[in-house]
Amino acid sequence: MTNKIIIVRTKKCRKSDVMLRFLRENNIPHEVKFVETDPEAKRLWGKFNLKASPGIIIGEKTFNPYELVKNCRVQQPEKTKALFLKYLSEEETEYANW
C-alpha cells in the first residue's frame, strides 16, 4: 500500500474513538496523532485546514468525519472500508461522491 491513514485527533473526541475502533476491527492500517501533544499533528491540522476531530488524512486527501460517523457509529461500514482501502492502494484518485 502506498498511502497510509493518519488520524489527527484530540484526546477526548468520541468520533475519533469510533473511527479508530472501526479501523482496528477491519484491520485497516493507520497512525494516530494527538493535536495536544504532537507537533506533527499540529502541522497537519494547519496544512490541511482541518476543522474537526478526527482529521482523516490519506496521502494528500482529507475526509470529513461528519460524513462517515454519526450518532457514535460509522454510518456505512462497507462503503467506508472500501473507500479507505481504495485510497490506501492508489497514488492518485479523485474523492468523488460516494
Foldseek 3Di string as FASTA:
>chain_A
DAKAKEWEFADPDLLQVQVVVLCVVVVGGYHYHYCVPDPVSVVVCVVLVDDHGTFIDIQHDTDDSVQQDDPSHGDDSVVVVVVSVVSNVDDDDDPDDD
